[in-house]
């Protein structure tokens, strides 16, 4: 993840919103959608069991959905 756009962002908490409201995660998701390692990041979140945060442009709810689908 050395090439992730989030790595050097001045506000790392941006990827861990306090609420699940879309407005709280919109900026992080926007940055993720432009990231060169977006797919690798989302894959890591699914494989590692990440329960919180924005990963590869997906929120925690979507990561759980992807994890369930990957188990099929």
PDB file of N, CA and C in Angstrom:
ATOM      1  N   UNK A   1       0.815  -1.205   0.000  1.00  0.00           N
ATOM      2  CA  UNK A   1       0.000   0.000   0.000  1.00  0.00           C
ATOM      3  C   UNK A   1       0.858   1.269   0.000  1.00  0.00           C
ATOM      4  N   UNK A   2       2.131   1.100  -0.292  1.00  0.00           N
ATOM      5  CA  UNK A   2       3.020   2.253  -0.338  1.00  0.00           C
ATOM      6  C   UNK A   2       2.608   3.263  -1.401  1.00  0.00           C
ATOM      7  N   UNK A   3       1.858   2.822  -2.412  1.00  0.00           N
ATOM      8  CA  UNK A   3       1.455   3.715  -3.492  1.00  0.00           C
ATOM      9  C   UNK A   3       0.046   4.268  -3.305  1.00  0.00           C
ATOM     10  N   UNK A   4      -0.604   3.965  -2.194  1.00  0.00           N
ATOM     11  CA  UNK A   4      -1.968   4.426  -1.943  1.00  0.00           C
ATOM     12  C   UNK A   4      -2.032   5.936  -1.762  1.00  0.00           C
ATOM     13  N   UNK A   5      -3.066   6.531  -2.323  1.00  0.00           N
ATOM     14  CA  UNK A   5      -3.246   7.984  -2.175  1.00  0.00           C
ATOM     15  C   UNK A   5      -3.527   8.379  -0.731  1.00  0.00           C
ATOM     16  N   UNK A   6      -3.994   7.436   0.060  1.00  0.00           N
ATOM     17  CA  UNK A   6      -4.301   7.732   1.459  1.00  0.00           C
ATOM     18  C   UNK A   6      -3.044   7.793   2.325  1.00  0.00           C
ATOM     19  N   UNK A   7      -1.976   7.204   1.843  1.00  0.00           N
ATOM     20  CA  UNK A   7      -0.761   7.062   2.652  1.00  0.00           C
ATOM     21  C   UNK A   7      -0.251   8.384   3.220  1.00  0.00           C
ATOM     22  N   UNK A   8      -0.181   9.391   2.405  1.00  0.00           N
ATOM     23  CA  UNK A   8       0.374  10.674   2.850  1.00  0.00           C
ATOM     24  C   UNK A   8      -0.687  11.752   3.018  1.00  0.00           C
ATOM     25  N   UNK A   9      -1.938  11.354   3.071  1.00  0.00           N
ATOM     26  CA  UNK A   9      -3.001  12.344   3.242  1.00  0.00           C
ATOM     27  C   UNK A   9      -2.883  12.975   4.628  1.00  0.00           C
ATOM     28  N   UNK A  10      -3.098  14.288   4.734  1.00  0.00           N
ATOM     29  CA  UNK A  10      -2.925  14.955   6.025  1.00  0.00           C
ATOM     30  C   UNK A  10      -3.950  14.544   7.091  1.00  0.00           C
ATOM     31  N   UNK A  11      -5.052  13.898   6.683  1.00  0.00           N
ATOM     32  CA  UNK A  11      -6.063  13.487   7.652  1.00  0.00           C
ATOM     33  C   UNK A  11      -6.362  11.997   7.511  1.00  0.00           C
ATOM     34  N   UNK A  12      -5.558  11.132   8.133  1.00  0.00           N
ATOM     35  CA  UNK A  12      -5.785   9.690   8.013  1.00  0.00           C
ATOM     36  C   UNK A  12      -7.123   9.242   8.590  1.00  0.00           C
ATOM     37  N   UNK A  13      -7.692  10.028   9.497  1.00  0.00           N
ATOM     38  CA  UNK A  13      -8.995   9.685  10.075  1.00  0.00           C
ATOM     39  C   UNK A  13     -10.120   9.764   9.051  1.00  0.00           C
ATOM     40  N   UNK A  14      -9.855  10.388   7.921  1.00  0.00           N
ATOM     41  CA  UNK A  14     -10.850  10.515   6.864  1.00  0.00           C
ATOM     42  C   UNK A  14     -11.354   9.141   6.428  1.00  0.00           C
ATOM     43  N   UNK A  15     -10.498   8.127   6.493  1.00  0.00           N
ATOM     44  CA  UNK A  15     -10.860   6.774   6.067  1.00  0.00           C
ATOM     45  C   UNK A  15     -11.557   5.968   7.149  1.00  0.00           C
ATOM     46  N   UNK A  16     -11.789   6.605   8.292  1.00  0.00           N
ATOM     47  CA  UNK A  16     -12.502   5.952   9.389  1.00  0.00           C
ATOM     48  C   UNK A  16     -13.579   6.889   9.916  1.00  0.00           C
ATOM     49  N   UNK A  17     -14.656   7.075   9.116  1.00  0.00           N
ATOM     50  CA  UNK A  17     -15.710   8.016   9.505  1.00  0.00           C
ATOM     51  C   UNK A  17     -16.417   7.573  10.792  1.00  0.00           C
ATOM     52  N   UNK A  18     -16.900   8.548  11.534  1.00  0.00           N
ATOM     53  CA  UNK A  18     -17.559   8.294  12.809  1.00  0.00           C
ATOM     54  C   UNK A  18     -18.930   7.656  12.607  1.00  0.00           C
ATOM     55  N   UNK A  19     -19.623   8.060  11.560  1.00  0.00           N
ATOM     56  CA  UNK A  19     -20.951   7.511  11.290  1.00  0.00           C
ATOM     57  C   UNK A  19     -20.945   6.808   9.935  1.00  0.00           C
ATOM     58  N   UNK A  20     -22.029   6.142   9.640  1.00  0.00           N
ATOM     59  CA  UNK A  20     -22.161   5.475   8.342  1.00  0.00           C
ATOM     60  C   UNK A  20     -22.882   6.356   7.323  1.00  0.00           C
ATOM     61  N   UNK A  21     -23.080   7.610   7.666  1.00  0.00           N
ATOM     62  CA  UNK A  21     -23.726   8.539   6.730  1.00  0.00           C
ATOM     63  C   UNK A  21     -22.850   8.733   5.502  1.00  0.00           C
ATOM     64  N   UNK A  22     -23.425   8.639   4.312  1.00  0.00           N
ATOM     65  CA  UNK A  22     -22.632   8.791   3.084  1.00  0.00           C
ATOM     66  C   UNK A  22     -21.791  10.065   3.039  1.00  0.00           C
ATOM     67  N   UNK A  23     -22.297  11.145   3.577  1.00  0.00           N
ATOM     68  CA  UNK A  23     -21.550  12.403   3.552  1.00  0.00           C
ATOM     69  C   UNK A  23     -20.247  12.304   4.336  1.00  0.00           C
ATOM     70  N   UNK A  24     -20.211  11.452   5.363  1.00  0.00           N
ATOM     71  CA  UNK A  24     -19.007  11.312   6.179  1.00  0.00           C
ATOM     72  C   UNK A  24     -17.899  10.545   5.471  1.00  0.00           C
ATOM     73  N   UNK A  25     -18.242   9.755   4.470  1.00  0.00           N
ATOM     74  CA  UNK A  25     -17.224   8.970   3.775  1.00  0.00           C
ATOM     75  C   UNK A  25     -17.007   9.414   2.329  1.00  0.00           C
ATOM     76  N   UNK A  26     -17.739  10.399   1.873  1.00  0.00           N
ATOM     77  CA  UNK A  26     -17.687  10.815   0.463  1.00  0.00           C
ATOM     78  C   UNK A  26     -16.294  11.253   0.018  1.00  0.00           C
ATOM     79  N   UNK A  27     -15.600  12.023   0.815  1.00  0.00           N
ATOM     80  CA  UNK A  27     -14.281  12.513   0.405  1.00  0.00           C
ATOM     81  C   UNK A  27     -13.277  11.371   0.296  1.00  0.00           C
ATOM     82  N   UNK A  28     -13.280  10.464   1.269  1.00  0.00           N
ATOM     83  CA  UNK A  28     -12.361   9.324   1.223  1.00  0.00           C
ATOM     84  C   UNK A  28     -12.666   8.451   0.010  1.00  0.00           C
ATOM     85  N   UNK A  29     -13.923   8.196  -0.258  1.00  0.00           N
ATOM     86  CA  UNK A  29     -14.299   7.372  -1.405  1.00  0.00           C
ATOM     87  C   UNK A  29     -13.875   8.043  -2.703  1.00  0.00           C
ATOM     88  N   UNK A  30     -14.051   9.340  -2.793  1.00  0.00           N
ATOM     89  CA  UNK A  30     -13.630  10.076  -3.988  1.00  0.00           C
ATOM     90  C   UNK A  30     -12.129   9.907  -4.226  1.00  0.00           C
ATOM     91  N   UNK A  31     -11.343  10.003  -3.177  1.00  0.00           N
ATOM     92  CA  UNK A  31      -9.892   9.829  -3.295  1.00  0.00           C
ATOM     93  C   UNK A  31      -9.578   8.389  -3.700  1.00  0.00           C
ATOM     94  N   UNK A  32     -10.238   7.431  -3.075  1.00  0.00           N
ATOM     95  CA  UNK A  32     -10.009   6.019  -3.394  1.00  0.00           C
ATOM     96  C   UNK A  32     -10.297   5.713  -4.868  1.00  0.00           C
ATOM     97  N   UNK A  33     -11.323   6.305  -5.407  1.00  0.00           N
ATOM     98  CA  UNK A  33     -11.694   6.017  -6.791  1.00  0.00           C
ATOM     99  C   UNK A  33     -10.611   6.435  -7.778  1.00  0.00           C
ATOM    100  N   UNK A  34      -9.698   7.288  -7.363  1.00  0.00           N
ATOM    101  CA  UNK A  34      -8.600   7.741  -8.211  1.00  0.00           C
ATOM    102  C   UNK A  34      -7.282   7.010  -7.903  1.00  0.00           C
ATOM    103  N   UNK A  35      -7.304   6.127  -6.941  1.00  0.00           N
ATOM    104  CA  UNK A  35      -6.085   5.511  -6.428  1.00  0.00           C
ATOM    105  C   UNK A  35      -5.583   4.367  -7.317  1.00  0.00           C
ATOM    106  N   UNK A  36      -4.266   4.310  -7.546  1.00  0.00           N
ATOM    107  CA  UNK A  36      -3.707   3.247  -8.388  1.00  0.00           C
ATOM    108  C   UNK A  36      -3.724   1.864  -7.743  1.00  0.00           C
ATOM    109  N   UNK A  37      -3.918   1.785  -6.431  1.00  0.00           N
ATOM    110  CA  UNK A  37      -3.943   0.479  -5.760  1.00  0.00           C
ATOM    111  C   UNK A  37      -5.320   0.178  -5.162  1.00  0.00           C
ATOM    112  N   UNK A  38      -6.338   0.757  -5.755  1.00  0.00           N
ATOM    113  CA  UNK A  38      -7.698   0.602  -5.244  1.00  0.00           C
ATOM    114  C   UNK A  38      -8.108  -0.867  -5.141  1.00  0.00           C
ATOM    115  N   UNK A  39      -7.905  -1.636  -6.180  1.00  0.00           N
ATOM    116  CA  UNK A  39      -8.324  -3.046  -6.178  1.00  0.00           C
ATOM    117  C   UNK A  39      -7.563  -3.857  -5.138  1.00  0.00           C
ATOM    118  N   UNK A  40      -6.267  -3.621  -5.035  1.00  0.00           N
ATOM    119  CA  UNK A  40      -5.460  -4.332  -4.058  1.00  0.00           C
ATOM    120  C   UNK A  40      -5.910  -3.997  -2.631  1.00  0.00           C
ATOM    121  N   UNK A  41      -6.264  -2.761  -2.413  1.00  0.00           N
ATOM    122  CA  UNK A  41      -6.722  -2.305  -1.100  1.00  0.00           C
ATOM    123  C   UNK A  41      -8.037  -2.988  -0.718  1.00  0.00           C
ATOM    124  N   UNK A  42      -8.988  -3.001  -1.635  1.00  0.00           N
ATOM    125  CA  UNK A  42     -10.277  -3.645  -1.365  1.00  0.00           C
ATOM    126  C   UNK A  42     -10.077  -5.140  -1.134  1.00  0.00           C
ATOM    127  N   UNK A  43      -9.208  -5.763  -1.917  1.00  0.00           N
ATOM    128  CA  UNK A  43      -8.926  -7.182  -1.753  1.00  0.00           C
ATOM    129  C   UNK A  43      -8.323  -7.465  -0.379  1.00  0.00           C
ATOM    130  N   UNK A  44      -7.406  -6.626   0.041  1.00  0.00           N
ATOM    131  CA  UNK A  44      -6.806  -6.772   1.366  1.00  0.00           C
ATOM    132  C   UNK A  44      -7.873  -6.684   2.457  1.00  0.00           C
ATOM    133  N   UNK A  45      -8.779  -5.733   2.327  1.00  0.00           N
ATOM    134  CA  UNK A  45      -9.841  -5.563   3.322  1.00  0.00           C
ATOM    135  C   UNK A  45     -10.732  -6.797   3.390  1.00  0.00           C
ATOM    136  N   UNK A  46     -11.068  -7.349   2.250  1.00  0.00           N
ATOM    137  CA  UNK A  46     -11.915  -8.546   2.216  1.00  0.00           C
ATOM    138  C   UNK A  46     -11.174  -9.726   2.843  1.00  0.00           C
ATOM    139  N   UNK A  47      -9.922  -9.949   2.445  1.00  0.00           N
ATOM    140  CA  UNK A  47      -9.155 -11.100   2.936  1.00  0.00           C
ATOM    141  C   UNK A  47      -8.786 -10.988   4.412  1.00  0.00           C
ATOM    142  N   UNK A  48      -8.552  -9.772   4.886  1.00  0.00           N
ATOM    143  CA  UNK A  48      -8.082  -9.598   6.269  1.00  0.00           C
ATOM    144  C   UNK A  48      -9.225  -9.469   7.278  1.00  0.00           C
ATOM    145  N   UNK A  49     -10.442  -9.335   6.798  1.00  0.00           N
ATOM    146  CA  UNK A  49     -11.574  -9.211   7.711  1.00  0.00           C
ATOM    147  C   UNK A  49     -11.771  -7.816   8.272  1.00  0.00           C
ATOM    148  N   UNK A  50     -11.348  -6.796   7.536  1.00  0.00           N
ATOM    149  CA  UNK A  50     -11.509  -5.407   7.996  1.00  0.00           C
ATOM    150  C   UNK A  50     -12.973  -5.141   8.335  1.00  0.00           C
ATOM    151  N   UNK A  51     -13.198  -4.575   9.495  1.00  0.00           N
ATOM    152  CA  UNK A  51     -14.564  -4.297   9.954  1.00  0.00           C
ATOM    153  C   UNK A  51     -14.896  -2.811   9.964  1.00  0.00           C
ATOM    154  N   UNK A  52     -13.906  -1.979   9.802  1.00  0.00           N
ATOM    155  CA  UNK A  52     -14.115  -0.538   9.888  1.00  0.00           C
ATOM    156  C   UNK A  52     -13.370   0.165   8.775  1.00  0.00           C
ATOM    157  N   UNK A  53     -13.839   1.328   8.403  1.00  0.00           N
ATOM    158  CA  UNK A  53     -13.118   2.179   7.480  1.00  0.00           C
ATOM    159  C   UNK A  53     -13.526   2.052   6.031  1.00  0.00           C
ATOM    160  N   UNK A  54     -12.867   2.869   5.239  1.00  0.00           N
ATOM    161  CA  UNK A  54     -13.055   2.904   3.792  1.00  0.00           C
ATOM    162  C   UNK A  54     -11.832   2.221   3.191  1.00  0.00           C
ATOM    163  N   UNK A  55     -12.067   1.250   2.336  1.00  0.00           N
ATOM    164  CA  UNK A  55     -10.989   0.466   1.723  1.00  0.00           C
ATOM    165  C   UNK A  55     -11.267   0.357   0.235  1.00  0.00           C
ATOM    166  N   UNK A  56     -10.390   0.863  -0.578  1.00  0.00           N
ATOM    167  CA  UNK A  56     -10.557   0.742  -2.020  1.00  0.00           C
ATOM    168  C   UNK A  56     -11.836   1.382  -2.542  1.00  0.00           C
ATOM    169  N   UNK A  57     -12.339   2.344  -1.813  1.00  0.00           N
ATOM    170  CA  UNK A  57     -13.564   3.022  -2.226  1.00  0.00           C
ATOM    171  C   UNK A  57     -14.840   2.380  -1.697  1.00  0.00           C
ATOM    172  N   UNK A  58     -14.700   1.353  -0.856  1.00  0.00           N
ATOM    173  CA  UNK A  58     -15.853   0.661  -0.288  1.00  0.00           C
ATOM    174  C   UNK A  58     -15.925   0.914   1.208  1.00  0.00           C
ATOM    175  N   UNK A  59     -17.141   1.097   1.717  1.00  0.00           N
ATOM    176  CA  UNK A  59     -17.295   1.250   3.157  1.00  0.00           C
ATOM    177  C   UNK A  59     -17.356  -0.130   3.814  1.00  0.00           C
ATOM    178  N   UNK A  60     -17.384  -0.156   5.131  1.00  0.00           N
ATOM    179  CA  UNK A  60     -17.338  -1.417   5.876  1.00  0.00           C
ATOM    180  C   UNK A  60     -18.510  -2.326   5.523  1.00  0.00           C
ATOM    181  N   UNK A  61     -19.672  -1.766   5.306  1.00  0.00           N
ATOM    182  CA  UNK A  61     -20.845  -2.573   4.933  1.00  0.00           C
ATOM    183  C   UNK A  61     -20.597  -3.286   3.610  1.00  0.00           C
ATOM    184  N   UNK A  62     -20.075  -2.572   2.636  1.00  0.00           N
ATOM    185  CA  UNK A  62     -19.823  -3.167   1.332  1.00  0.00           C
ATOM    186  C   UNK A  62     -18.692  -4.199   1.399  1.00  0.00           C
ATOM    187  N   UNK A  63     -17.695  -3.952   2.223  1.00  0.00           N
ATOM    188  CA  UNK A  63     -16.607  -4.920   2.395  1.00  0.00           C
ATOM    189  C   UNK A  63     -17.175  -6.229   2.949  1.00  0.00           C
ATOM    190  N   UNK A  64     -18.091  -6.143   3.930  1.00  0.00           N
ATOM    191  CA  UNK A  64     -18.718  -7.356   4.465  1.00  0.00           C
ATOM    192  C   UNK A  64     -19.499  -8.082   3.378  1.00  0.00           C
ATOM    193  N   UNK A  65     -20.198  -7.333   2.523  1.00  0.00           N
ATOM    194  CA  UNK A  65     -20.942  -7.933   1.416  1.00  0.00           C
ATOM    195  C   UNK A  65     -19.992  -8.639   0.456  1.00  0.00           C
ATOM    196  N   UNK A  66     -18.892  -7.996   0.120  1.00  0.00           N
ATOM    197  CA  UNK A  66     -17.909  -8.608  -0.774  1.00  0.00           C
ATOM    198  C   UNK A  66     -17.321  -9.878  -0.154  1.00  0.00           C
ATOM    199  N   UNK A  67     -17.086  -9.844   1.160  1.00  0.00           N
ATOM    200  CA  UNK A  67     -16.540 -11.007   1.849  1.00  0.00           C
ATOM    201  C   UNK A  67     -17.507 -12.185   1.781  1.00  0.00           C
ATOM    202  N   UNK A  68     -18.810 -11.907   2.006  1.00  0.00           N
ATOM    203  CA  UNK A  68     -19.814 -12.983   1.921  1.00  0.00           C
ATOM    204  C   UNK A  68     -19.864 -13.561   0.515  1.00  0.00           C
ATOM    205  N   UNK A  69     -19.814 -12.704  -0.491  1.00  0.00           N
ATOM    206  CA  UNK A  69     -19.859 -13.177  -1.883  1.00  0.00           C
ATOM    207  C   UNK A  69     -18.604 -13.977  -2.245  1.00  0.00           C
ATOM    208  N   UNK A  70     -17.480 -13.602  -1.686  1.00  0.00           N
ATOM    209  CA  UNK A  70     -16.233 -14.313  -1.975  1.00  0.00           C
ATOM    210  C   UNK A  70     -16.234 -15.716  -1.376  1.00  0.00           C
ATOM    211  N   UNK A  71     -16.990 -15.922  -0.321  1.00  0.00           N
ATOM    212  CA  UNK A  71     -17.050 -17.237   0.329  1.00  0.00           C
ATOM    213  C   UNK A  71     -17.905 -18.224  -0.445  1.00  0.00           C
ATOM    214  N   UNK A  72     -18.702 -17.752  -1.373  1.00  0.00           N
ATOM    215  CA  UNK A  72     -19.597 -18.644  -2.134  1.00  0.00           C
ATOM    216  C   UNK A  72     -18.858 -19.512  -3.083  1.00  0.00           C
TER     217      UNK A  72
END
